[in-house]
Amino acid sequence: MSLGLLDHFTIRCVPQDLPRLLAFYQDTLGLVPGDRPVMPFPGHWLYSDGHPVVHLFGNLQQRAEGPTGALDHISFKSRGLQAMMRHLCECKVEFGENVLPDARVHQLFLFDPFGLKVELTYYLDEEAV
């Protein structure tokens, strides 16, 4: 049995905050807006490699308290470490790094407009391929 990789995560917000969130996940992380089922509130589904991994729901009447509640961070299994680091610098997005040499993993950490920590995980053995 395998749990598998992250399928998607959902961020709920007030409708007027959708443009800022969309810009971050689309322009900074490179996700692509795509098809979304008809729902009774505004929102977006953002795709990576043809799969909707981020759901933005503009269905709150007021902003939620705190940046993330109990959620610490979300992580994407990513490719193209050097290109992403250059891109983040060009976008003037601050990020932190953590290298796990024994696991051959390089992690980047950044925050979306509402303070949700986003981890980009690069498996160095796959990066060399």
C-alpha atoms as a PDB file:
ATOM      1  CA  MET A   1       0.000   0.000   0.000  1.00  0.00           C
ATOM      2  CA  SER A   2       1.202   3.539  -0.798  1.00  0.00           C
ATOM      3  CA  LEU A   3      -0.251   6.825   0.370  1.00  0.00           C
ATOM      4  CA  GLY A   4       1.159   8.503  -2.763  1.00  0.00           C
ATOM      5  CA  LEU A   5       2.075  12.120  -3.437  1.00  0.00           C
ATOM      6  CA  LEU A   6       0.134  15.222  -2.449  1.00  0.00           C
ATOM      7  CA  ASP A   7      -3.044  15.431  -4.548  1.00  0.00           C
ATOM      8  CA  HIS A   8      -4.025  19.036  -3.844  1.00  0.00           C
ATOM      9  CA  PHE A   9      -4.559  21.577  -1.121  1.00  0.00           C
ATOM     10  CA  THR A  10      -7.285  24.174  -0.749  1.00  0.00           C
ATOM     11  CA  ILE A  11      -6.967  27.742   0.462  1.00  0.00           C
ATOM     12  CA  ARG A  12     -10.159  29.503   1.512  1.00  0.00           C
ATOM     13  CA  CYS A  13     -10.262  33.289   1.384  1.00  0.00           C
ATOM     14  CA  VAL A  14     -12.554  36.268   0.873  1.00  0.00           C
ATOM     15  CA  PRO A  15     -13.297  36.854  -2.834  1.00  0.00           C
ATOM     16  CA  GLN A  16     -11.275  40.094  -3.010  1.00  0.00           C
ATOM     17  CA  ASP A  17      -8.104  38.199  -2.011  1.00  0.00           C
ATOM     18  CA  LEU A  18      -8.283  35.790  -4.956  1.00  0.00           C
ATOM     19  CA  PRO A  19      -6.202  37.975  -7.338  1.00  0.00           C
ATOM     20  CA  ARG A  20      -3.214  38.137  -4.933  1.00  0.00           C
ATOM     21  CA  LEU A  21      -3.259  34.405  -4.296  1.00  0.00           C
ATOM     22  CA  LEU A  22      -3.689  33.625  -7.992  1.00  0.00           C
ATOM     23  CA  ALA A  23      -0.736  35.866  -8.879  1.00  0.00           C
ATOM     24  CA  PHE A  24       1.533  34.165  -6.333  1.00  0.00           C
ATOM     25  CA  TYR A  25       0.762  30.576  -7.281  1.00  0.00           C
ATOM     26  CA  GLN A  26       0.683  31.346 -11.014  1.00  0.00           C
ATOM     27  CA  ASP A  27       3.467  33.906 -11.483  1.00  0.00           C
ATOM     28  CA  THR A  28       5.849  32.894  -8.682  1.00  0.00           C
ATOM     29  CA  LEU A  29       5.420  29.109  -8.635  1.00  0.00           C
ATOM     30  CA  GLY A  30       4.433  28.650 -12.287  1.00  0.00           C
ATOM     31  CA  LEU A  31       1.136  26.841 -11.763  1.00  0.00           C
ATOM     32  CA  VAL A  32      -1.375  27.089 -14.615  1.00  0.00           C
ATOM     33  CA  PRO A  33      -5.055  28.066 -14.153  1.00  0.00           C
ATOM     34  CA  GLY A  34      -7.370  25.449 -15.610  1.00  0.00           C
ATOM     35  CA  ASP A  35     -10.769  23.826 -15.576  1.00  0.00           C
ATOM     36  CA  ARG A  36     -12.761  23.992 -12.368  1.00  0.00           C
ATOM     37  CA  PRO A  37     -16.168  22.483 -11.665  1.00  0.00           C
ATOM     38  CA  VAL A  38     -19.104  24.862 -11.337  1.00  0.00           C
ATOM     39  CA  MET A  39     -19.318  25.960  -7.715  1.00  0.00           C
ATOM     40  CA  PRO A  40     -21.515  28.527  -5.969  1.00  0.00           C
ATOM     41  CA  PHE A  41     -18.544  30.809  -5.194  1.00  0.00           C
ATOM     42  CA  PRO A  42     -15.571  32.287  -7.104  1.00  0.00           C
ATOM     43  CA  GLY A  43     -12.230  30.547  -7.233  1.00  0.00           C
ATOM     44  CA  HIS A  44      -9.504  28.931  -9.296  1.00  0.00           C
ATOM     45  CA  TRP A  45      -7.939  25.542  -9.789  1.00  0.00           C
ATOM     46  CA  LEU A  46      -4.222  25.707 -10.532  1.00  0.00           C
ATOM     47  CA  TYR A  47      -2.473  22.879 -12.348  1.00  0.00           C
ATOM     48  CA  SER A  48       0.996  21.359 -12.342  1.00  0.00           C
ATOM     49  CA  ASP A  49       1.842  18.721 -14.939  1.00  0.00           C
ATOM     50  CA  GLY A  50      -1.842  18.490 -15.879  1.00  0.00           C
ATOM     51  CA  HIS A  51      -3.066  17.896 -12.325  1.00  0.00           C
ATOM     52  CA  PRO A  52      -5.035  20.452 -10.233  1.00  0.00           C
ATOM     53  CA  VAL A  53      -2.833  20.778  -7.141  1.00  0.00           C
ATOM     54  CA  VAL A  54      -4.019  24.093  -5.647  1.00  0.00           C
ATOM     55  CA  HIS A  55      -7.665  24.989  -5.186  1.00  0.00           C
ATOM     56  CA  LEU A  56      -8.459  28.614  -4.324  1.00  0.00           C
ATOM     57  CA  PHE A  57     -11.938  29.116  -2.858  1.00  0.00           C
ATOM     58  CA  GLY A  58     -13.285  32.662  -2.450  1.00  0.00           C
ATOM     59  CA  ASN A  59     -16.030  31.503  -0.085  1.00  0.00           C
ATOM     60  CA  LEU A  60     -15.273  33.280   3.204  1.00  0.00           C
ATOM     61  CA  GLN A  61     -17.224  36.286   4.448  1.00  0.00           C
ATOM     62  CA  GLN A  62     -14.209  37.556   6.427  1.00  0.00           C
ATOM     63  CA  ARG A  63     -10.509  36.714   6.516  1.00  0.00           C
ATOM     64  CA  ALA A  64      -9.541  33.711   8.623  1.00  0.00           C
ATOM     65  CA  GLU A  65      -7.576  34.378  11.808  1.00  0.00           C
ATOM     66  CA  GLY A  66      -3.849  33.675  11.629  1.00  0.00           C
ATOM     67  CA  PRO A  67      -1.952  32.871   8.462  1.00  0.00           C
ATOM     68  CA  THR A  68      -2.442  29.111   8.371  1.00  0.00           C
ATOM     69  CA  GLY A  69      -4.301  27.807  11.402  1.00  0.00           C
ATOM     70  CA  ALA A  70      -2.899  24.371  12.256  1.00  0.00           C
ATOM     71  CA  LEU A  71      -1.315  23.901   8.836  1.00  0.00           C
ATOM     72  CA  ASP A  72       2.481  24.348   9.001  1.00  0.00           C
ATOM     73  CA  HIS A  73       3.390  24.080   5.321  1.00  0.00           C
ATOM     74  CA  ILE A  74       2.667  22.423   2.009  1.00  0.00           C
ATOM     75  CA  SER A  75       5.333  20.819  -0.149  1.00  0.00           C
ATOM     76  CA  PHE A  76       5.762  20.214  -3.850  1.00  0.00           C
ATOM     77  CA  LYS A  77       8.102  17.577  -5.235  1.00  0.00           C
ATOM     78  CA  SER A  78       9.887  19.881  -7.663  1.00  0.00           C
ATOM     79  CA  ARG A  79      12.435  19.826 -10.490  1.00  0.00           C
ATOM     80  CA  GLY A  80      14.879  22.495 -11.741  1.00  0.00           C
ATOM     81  CA  LEU A  81      16.434  23.788  -8.538  1.00  0.00           C
ATOM     82  CA  GLN A  82      18.858  26.290 -10.073  1.00  0.00           C
ATOM     83  CA  ALA A  83      16.250  27.684 -12.469  1.00  0.00           C
ATOM     84  CA  MET A  84      13.747  28.151  -9.614  1.00  0.00           C
ATOM     85  CA  MET A  85      16.329  29.908  -7.438  1.00  0.00           C
ATOM     86  CA  ARG A  86      17.096  32.330 -10.286  1.00  0.00           C
ATOM     87  CA  HIS A  87      13.371  32.866 -10.887  1.00  0.00           C
ATOM     88  CA  LEU A  88      12.660  33.616  -7.219  1.00  0.00           C
ATOM     89  CA  CYS A  89      15.540  36.116  -7.152  1.00  0.00           C
ATOM     90  CA  GLU A  90      14.226  37.783 -10.323  1.00  0.00           C
ATOM     91  CA  CYS A  91      10.752  37.986  -8.737  1.00  0.00           C
ATOM     92  CA  LYS A  92      12.314  39.395  -5.553  1.00  0.00           C
ATOM     93  CA  VAL A  93      10.713  36.605  -3.518  1.00  0.00           C
ATOM     94  CA  GLU A  94      12.674  35.804  -0.365  1.00  0.00           C
ATOM     95  CA  PHE A  95      13.355  32.145   0.331  1.00  0.00           C
ATOM     96  CA  GLY A  96      15.309  30.003   2.727  1.00  0.00           C
ATOM     97  CA  GLU A  97      17.216  26.834   1.995  1.00  0.00           C
ATOM     98  CA  ASN A  98      17.814  23.583   3.813  1.00  0.00           C
ATOM     99  CA  VAL A  99      20.102  20.843   2.504  1.00  0.00           C
ATOM    100  CA  LEU A 100      19.837  17.280   3.786  1.00  0.00           C
ATOM    101  CA  PRO A 101      23.084  15.776   2.471  1.00  0.00           C
ATOM    102  CA  ASP A 102      22.421  12.249   3.734  1.00  0.00           C
ATOM    103  CA  ALA A 103      19.086  12.189   1.911  1.00  0.00           C
ATOM    104  CA  ARG A 104      20.424  14.137  -1.108  1.00  0.00           C
ATOM    105  CA  VAL A 105      17.568  16.600  -0.753  1.00  0.00           C
ATOM    106  CA  HIS A 106      17.634  20.381  -1.229  1.00  0.00           C
ATOM    107  CA  GLN A 107      14.631  22.298   0.092  1.00  0.00           C
ATOM    108  CA  LEU A 108      13.511  25.853  -0.609  1.00  0.00           C
ATOM    109  CA  PHE A 109      11.056  27.581   1.735  1.00  0.00           C
ATOM    110  CA  LEU A 110       8.974  30.643   0.877  1.00  0.00           C
ATOM    111  CA  PHE A 111       5.666  32.165   1.935  1.00  0.00           C
ATOM    112  CA  ASP A 112       2.527  32.935  -0.033  1.00  0.00           C
ATOM    113  CA  PRO A 113       0.804  36.345   0.362  1.00  0.00           C
ATOM    114  CA  PHE A 114      -1.090  35.150   3.463  1.00  0.00           C
ATOM    115  CA  GLY A 115       1.868  33.610   5.280  1.00  0.00           C
ATOM    116  CA  LEU A 116       1.400  29.957   4.290  1.00  0.00           C
ATOM    117  CA  LYS A 117       4.813  28.289   4.157  1.00  0.00           C
ATOM    118  CA  VAL A 118       5.506  26.591   0.825  1.00  0.00           C
ATOM    119  CA  GLU A 119       8.292  24.008   0.553  1.00  0.00           C
ATOM    120  CA  LEU A 120       9.823  23.070  -2.782  1.00  0.00           C
ATOM    121  CA  THR A 121      11.614  19.730  -2.410  1.00  0.00           C
ATOM    122  CA  TYR A 122      14.336  18.821  -4.906  1.00  0.00           C
ATOM    123  CA  TYR A 123      15.719  15.266  -4.900  1.00  0.00           C
ATOM    124  CA  LEU A 124      19.291  15.800  -6.032  1.00  0.00           C
ATOM    125  CA  ASP A 125      19.666  12.329  -7.604  1.00  0.00           C
ATOM    126  CA  GLU A 126      16.734  13.211  -9.888  1.00  0.00           C
ATOM    127  CA  GLU A 127      18.080  16.712 -10.577  1.00  0.00           C
ATOM    128  CA  ALA A 128      21.271  15.247 -12.089  1.00  0.00           C
ATOM    129  CA  VAL A 129      19.273  13.162 -14.590  1.00  0.00           C
END
